[in-house]
Every structure is written in C-alpha cells, then in structure tokens.
C-alpha cells in the first residue's frame, strides 16, 4: 500500500537524498531506527525534505514515541531521537 501524498510504502523511512548519500544509503536499503523505547525496521525512501530529519508513517512509528509525552489535549509528541542503522543484505 502506498501513501497517497508521498507515494511511499508503509515501511518507508523517508530521508533527504543528501543525508542518505552522507550515510552511504541508497533508495530501498533496509534500515532500522532504534531508541530506548523501541525499534522500527523499514526501507530507505529518498524524499524532498529538510536535511537532518527522518519521517515514518503512523501508526508504525509509534514504537519510537514516549507515550508519556502528550499535549494537554492528549496529542502525542511525534518527535523522537533515533539511531539509524543500515541492515545487512541477506
């Protein structure tokens, strides 16, 4: 299933092409995003976005969010600090 706006598949990890090149990543590479809350496996999707940022789909990315950080209205804080790791090709 592809996103109607970006054209990315659900497991996409959207990244700026310049950032991907700096990290030695190519479109379609398998990667993992990790932090102390969880891990999300996905595939690199080159996207026209601000360098230094990553984007994933909801609700897939919820495993990386602090469930205790919400606004007074109950909206989650969708910002998360993660480590990006390229997975071995097998």
N, C-alpha and C. Protein backbone atom coordinates (compact mmCIF):
# COMPACT_ATOMS: atom_id res chain seq x y z
N UNK A 1 0.84 -1.17 0.00
CA UNK A 1 0.00 0.00 0.00
C UNK A 1 0.89 1.24 0.00
N UNK A 2 0.60 2.19 -0.88
CA UNK A 2 1.39 3.42 -0.98
C UNK A 2 0.63 4.61 -0.43
N UNK A 3 1.37 5.53 0.18
CA UNK A 3 0.81 6.76 0.69
C UNK A 3 0.36 7.63 -0.48
N UNK A 4 -0.83 8.18 -0.39
CA UNK A 4 -1.39 8.98 -1.48
C UNK A 4 -0.63 10.29 -1.71
N UNK A 5 0.03 10.81 -0.69
CA UNK A 5 0.73 12.09 -0.83
C UNK A 5 2.18 11.90 -1.27
N UNK A 6 2.90 10.99 -0.60
CA UNK A 6 4.33 10.83 -0.88
C UNK A 6 4.64 9.73 -1.88
N UNK A 7 3.73 8.79 -2.05
CA UNK A 7 3.99 7.64 -2.91
C UNK A 7 4.84 6.58 -2.23
N UNK A 8 5.15 6.79 -0.95
CA UNK A 8 5.99 5.85 -0.19
C UNK A 8 5.16 4.69 0.34
N UNK A 9 5.79 3.52 0.41
CA UNK A 9 5.14 2.35 1.01
C UNK A 9 5.13 2.51 2.53
N UNK A 10 4.32 1.70 3.21
CA UNK A 10 4.14 1.84 4.66
C UNK A 10 5.44 1.68 5.44
N UNK A 11 6.35 0.82 4.97
CA UNK A 11 7.59 0.58 5.72
C UNK A 11 8.70 1.58 5.36
N UNK A 12 8.36 2.62 4.62
CA UNK A 12 9.36 3.60 4.19
C UNK A 12 9.89 4.43 5.36
N UNK A 13 11.20 4.69 5.30
CA UNK A 13 11.85 5.66 6.18
C UNK A 13 12.29 6.79 5.25
N UNK A 14 11.55 7.88 5.29
CA UNK A 14 11.82 9.00 4.39
C UNK A 14 13.05 9.75 4.88
N UNK A 15 13.96 10.04 3.94
CA UNK A 15 15.21 10.71 4.26
C UNK A 15 15.61 11.60 3.09
N UNK A 16 16.23 12.72 3.40
CA UNK A 16 16.74 13.63 2.38
C UNK A 16 17.84 12.93 1.59
N UNK A 17 17.87 13.07 0.26
CA UNK A 17 18.90 12.40 -0.55
C UNK A 17 20.33 12.75 -0.14
N UNK A 18 20.59 14.00 0.25
CA UNK A 18 21.93 14.41 0.68
C UNK A 18 22.34 13.65 1.95
N UNK A 19 21.42 13.54 2.91
CA UNK A 19 21.71 12.79 4.14
C UNK A 19 21.97 11.32 3.83
N UNK A 20 21.15 10.75 2.95
CA UNK A 20 21.32 9.34 2.59
C UNK A 20 22.71 9.11 1.99
N UNK A 21 23.12 9.99 1.10
CA UNK A 21 24.43 9.85 0.46
C UNK A 21 25.54 9.94 1.50
N UNK A 22 25.44 10.89 2.44
CA UNK A 22 26.45 11.03 3.50
C UNK A 22 26.56 9.76 4.33
N UNK A 23 25.45 9.06 4.51
CA UNK A 23 25.41 7.85 5.33
C UNK A 23 25.65 6.57 4.52
N UNK A 24 25.87 6.72 3.22
CA UNK A 24 26.11 5.55 2.38
C UNK A 24 24.87 4.73 2.12
N UNK A 25 23.71 5.38 2.13
CA UNK A 25 22.43 4.69 1.93
C UNK A 25 21.89 4.96 0.54
N UNK A 26 21.22 3.95 -0.02
CA UNK A 26 20.56 4.08 -1.31
C UNK A 26 19.07 3.84 -1.14
N UNK A 27 18.30 4.34 -2.09
CA UNK A 27 16.86 4.12 -2.08
C UNK A 27 16.58 2.61 -2.03
N UNK A 28 15.75 2.19 -1.09
CA UNK A 28 15.39 0.78 -0.95
C UNK A 28 16.23 -0.01 0.03
N UNK A 29 17.34 0.58 0.55
CA UNK A 29 18.15 -0.13 1.54
C UNK A 29 17.33 -0.44 2.79
N UNK A 30 17.56 -1.61 3.37
CA UNK A 30 16.92 -1.99 4.63
C UNK A 30 17.64 -1.29 5.78
N UNK A 31 16.85 -0.67 6.67
CA UNK A 31 17.41 0.04 7.81
C UNK A 31 16.58 -0.24 9.06
N UNK A 32 17.16 0.09 10.20
CA UNK A 32 16.43 0.03 11.47
C UNK A 32 16.59 1.37 12.16
N UNK A 33 15.51 1.86 12.74
CA UNK A 33 15.53 3.04 13.59
C UNK A 33 15.39 2.53 15.01
N UNK A 34 16.30 2.97 15.90
CA UNK A 34 16.29 2.46 17.27
C UNK A 34 16.42 3.61 18.26
N UNK A 35 15.74 3.46 19.38
CA UNK A 35 15.97 4.30 20.55
C UNK A 35 15.66 3.47 21.78
N UNK A 36 15.70 4.09 22.96
CA UNK A 36 15.50 3.31 24.18
C UNK A 36 14.05 2.86 24.36
N UNK A 37 13.15 3.28 23.48
CA UNK A 37 11.74 2.89 23.57
C UNK A 37 11.36 1.75 22.63
N UNK A 38 12.13 1.59 21.55
CA UNK A 38 11.76 0.54 20.61
C UNK A 38 12.61 0.55 19.35
N UNK A 39 12.18 -0.24 18.39
CA UNK A 39 12.89 -0.39 17.12
C UNK A 39 11.87 -0.52 15.99
N UNK A 40 12.17 0.13 14.87
CA UNK A 40 11.33 0.05 13.69
C UNK A 40 12.21 -0.29 12.50
N UNK A 41 11.88 -1.37 11.81
CA UNK A 41 12.62 -1.75 10.60
C UNK A 41 11.86 -1.23 9.39
N UNK A 42 12.62 -0.73 8.42
CA UNK A 42 11.99 -0.19 7.23
C UNK A 42 12.96 -0.14 6.07
N UNK A 43 12.57 0.61 5.03
CA UNK A 43 13.40 0.76 3.84
C UNK A 43 13.57 2.23 3.50
N UNK A 44 14.77 2.59 3.09
CA UNK A 44 15.09 3.97 2.72
C UNK A 44 14.20 4.41 1.56
N UNK A 45 13.64 5.60 1.69
CA UNK A 45 12.85 6.23 0.64
C UNK A 45 13.34 7.67 0.52
N UNK A 46 14.01 7.99 -0.58
CA UNK A 46 14.55 9.34 -0.78
C UNK A 46 13.40 10.31 -1.01
N UNK A 47 13.40 11.39 -0.22
CA UNK A 47 12.28 12.33 -0.26
C UNK A 47 12.78 13.77 -0.15
N UNK A 48 12.07 14.71 -0.77
CA UNK A 48 12.44 16.12 -0.69
C UNK A 48 12.03 16.70 0.67
N UNK A 49 12.88 16.52 1.65
CA UNK A 49 12.58 17.01 2.99
C UNK A 49 13.80 17.68 3.59
N UNK A 50 13.60 18.37 4.70
CA UNK A 50 14.68 19.11 5.35
C UNK A 50 15.78 18.15 5.80
N UNK A 51 17.04 18.45 5.46
CA UNK A 51 18.15 17.60 5.91
C UNK A 51 18.19 17.49 7.44
N UNK A 52 18.66 16.34 7.91
CA UNK A 52 18.77 16.12 9.35
C UNK A 52 17.53 15.55 9.99
N UNK A 53 16.54 15.20 9.17
CA UNK A 53 15.29 14.65 9.68
C UNK A 53 14.96 13.34 9.00
N UNK A 54 14.17 12.54 9.68
CA UNK A 54 13.61 11.32 9.12
C UNK A 54 12.11 11.39 9.31
N UNK A 55 11.38 10.64 8.50
CA UNK A 55 9.93 10.58 8.66
C UNK A 55 9.48 9.15 8.42
N UNK A 56 8.55 8.69 9.27
CA UNK A 56 7.95 7.36 9.09
C UNK A 56 6.44 7.52 9.19
N UNK A 57 5.73 6.49 8.80
CA UNK A 57 4.27 6.52 8.85
C UNK A 57 3.75 6.23 10.25
N UNK A 58 2.55 6.72 10.50
CA UNK A 58 1.81 6.43 11.71
C UNK A 58 0.77 5.39 11.32
N UNK A 59 0.54 4.38 12.09
CA UNK A 59 0.99 4.14 13.46
C UNK A 59 2.29 3.36 13.57
N UNK A 60 2.91 3.01 12.44
CA UNK A 60 4.13 2.19 12.50
C UNK A 60 5.20 2.81 13.41
N UNK A 61 5.35 4.12 13.37
CA UNK A 61 6.38 4.81 14.14
C UNK A 61 6.09 4.95 15.62
N UNK A 62 4.90 4.56 16.06
CA UNK A 62 4.54 4.71 17.48
C UNK A 62 5.50 3.99 18.42
N UNK A 63 6.16 2.93 17.95
CA UNK A 63 7.07 2.17 18.81
C UNK A 63 8.26 3.02 19.26
N UNK A 64 8.49 4.15 18.60
CA UNK A 64 9.62 5.02 18.92
C UNK A 64 9.23 6.23 19.77
N UNK A 65 7.94 6.36 20.09
CA UNK A 65 7.44 7.54 20.80
C UNK A 65 7.27 7.30 22.28
N UNK A 66 7.55 8.34 23.06
CA UNK A 66 7.34 8.31 24.51
C UNK A 66 5.85 8.52 24.77
N UNK A 67 5.17 7.49 25.22
CA UNK A 67 3.73 7.56 25.43
C UNK A 67 3.34 8.54 26.54
N UNK A 68 4.30 8.92 27.38
CA UNK A 68 4.03 9.87 28.46
C UNK A 68 4.11 11.32 28.03
N UNK A 69 4.66 11.58 26.84
CA UNK A 69 4.79 12.96 26.36
C UNK A 69 3.62 13.30 25.44
N UNK A 70 2.65 13.99 26.00
CA UNK A 70 1.47 14.41 25.24
C UNK A 70 1.11 15.84 25.62
N UNK A 71 0.43 16.50 24.70
CA UNK A 71 -0.05 17.85 24.98
C UNK A 71 -1.21 17.76 25.97
N UNK A 72 -1.67 18.90 26.45
CA UNK A 72 -2.82 18.92 27.36
C UNK A 72 -4.05 18.30 26.71
N UNK A 73 -4.11 18.36 25.38
CA UNK A 73 -5.25 17.80 24.65
C UNK A 73 -5.08 16.30 24.38
N UNK A 74 -3.92 15.74 24.74
CA UNK A 74 -3.68 14.31 24.55
C UNK A 74 -3.01 13.95 23.24
N UNK A 75 -2.52 14.95 22.49
CA UNK A 75 -1.85 14.69 21.22
C UNK A 75 -0.41 14.25 21.50
N UNK A 76 0.03 13.13 20.92
CA UNK A 76 1.40 12.66 21.15
C UNK A 76 2.44 13.63 20.61
N UNK A 77 3.61 13.63 21.23
CA UNK A 77 4.77 14.36 20.71
C UNK A 77 5.40 13.45 19.67
N UNK A 78 5.26 13.82 18.40
CA UNK A 78 5.73 12.96 17.32
C UNK A 78 7.21 13.12 17.01
N UNK A 79 7.95 13.81 17.87
CA UNK A 79 9.39 13.94 17.70
C UNK A 79 10.09 12.86 18.51
N UNK A 80 11.06 12.21 17.89
CA UNK A 80 11.81 11.17 18.58
C UNK A 80 13.25 11.20 18.09
N UNK A 81 14.17 11.04 19.01
CA UNK A 81 15.59 10.93 18.67
C UNK A 81 15.89 9.45 18.46
N UNK A 82 16.44 9.12 17.29
CA UNK A 82 16.71 7.72 16.96
C UNK A 82 18.11 7.55 16.38
N UNK A 83 18.59 6.32 16.41
CA UNK A 83 19.80 5.94 15.70
C UNK A 83 19.35 5.20 14.44
N UNK A 84 19.98 5.53 13.33
CA UNK A 84 19.67 4.88 12.05
C UNK A 84 20.79 3.90 11.74
N UNK A 85 20.41 2.66 11.50
CA UNK A 85 21.39 1.61 11.24
C UNK A 85 21.04 0.89 9.95
N UNK A 86 22.02 0.77 9.05
CA UNK A 86 21.80 0.01 7.82
C UNK A 86 21.86 -1.47 8.17
N UNK A 87 20.89 -2.23 7.70
CA UNK A 87 20.85 -3.66 7.97
C UNK A 87 21.60 -4.41 6.87
N UNK A 88 22.19 -5.52 7.25
CA UNK A 88 22.93 -6.34 6.29
C UNK A 88 22.00 -6.89 5.23
N UNK A 89 22.51 -6.94 4.01
CA UNK A 89 21.75 -7.56 2.93
C UNK A 89 21.89 -9.07 3.06
N UNK A 90 20.77 -9.76 2.96
CA UNK A 90 20.85 -11.22 3.06
C UNK A 90 20.09 -11.90 1.97
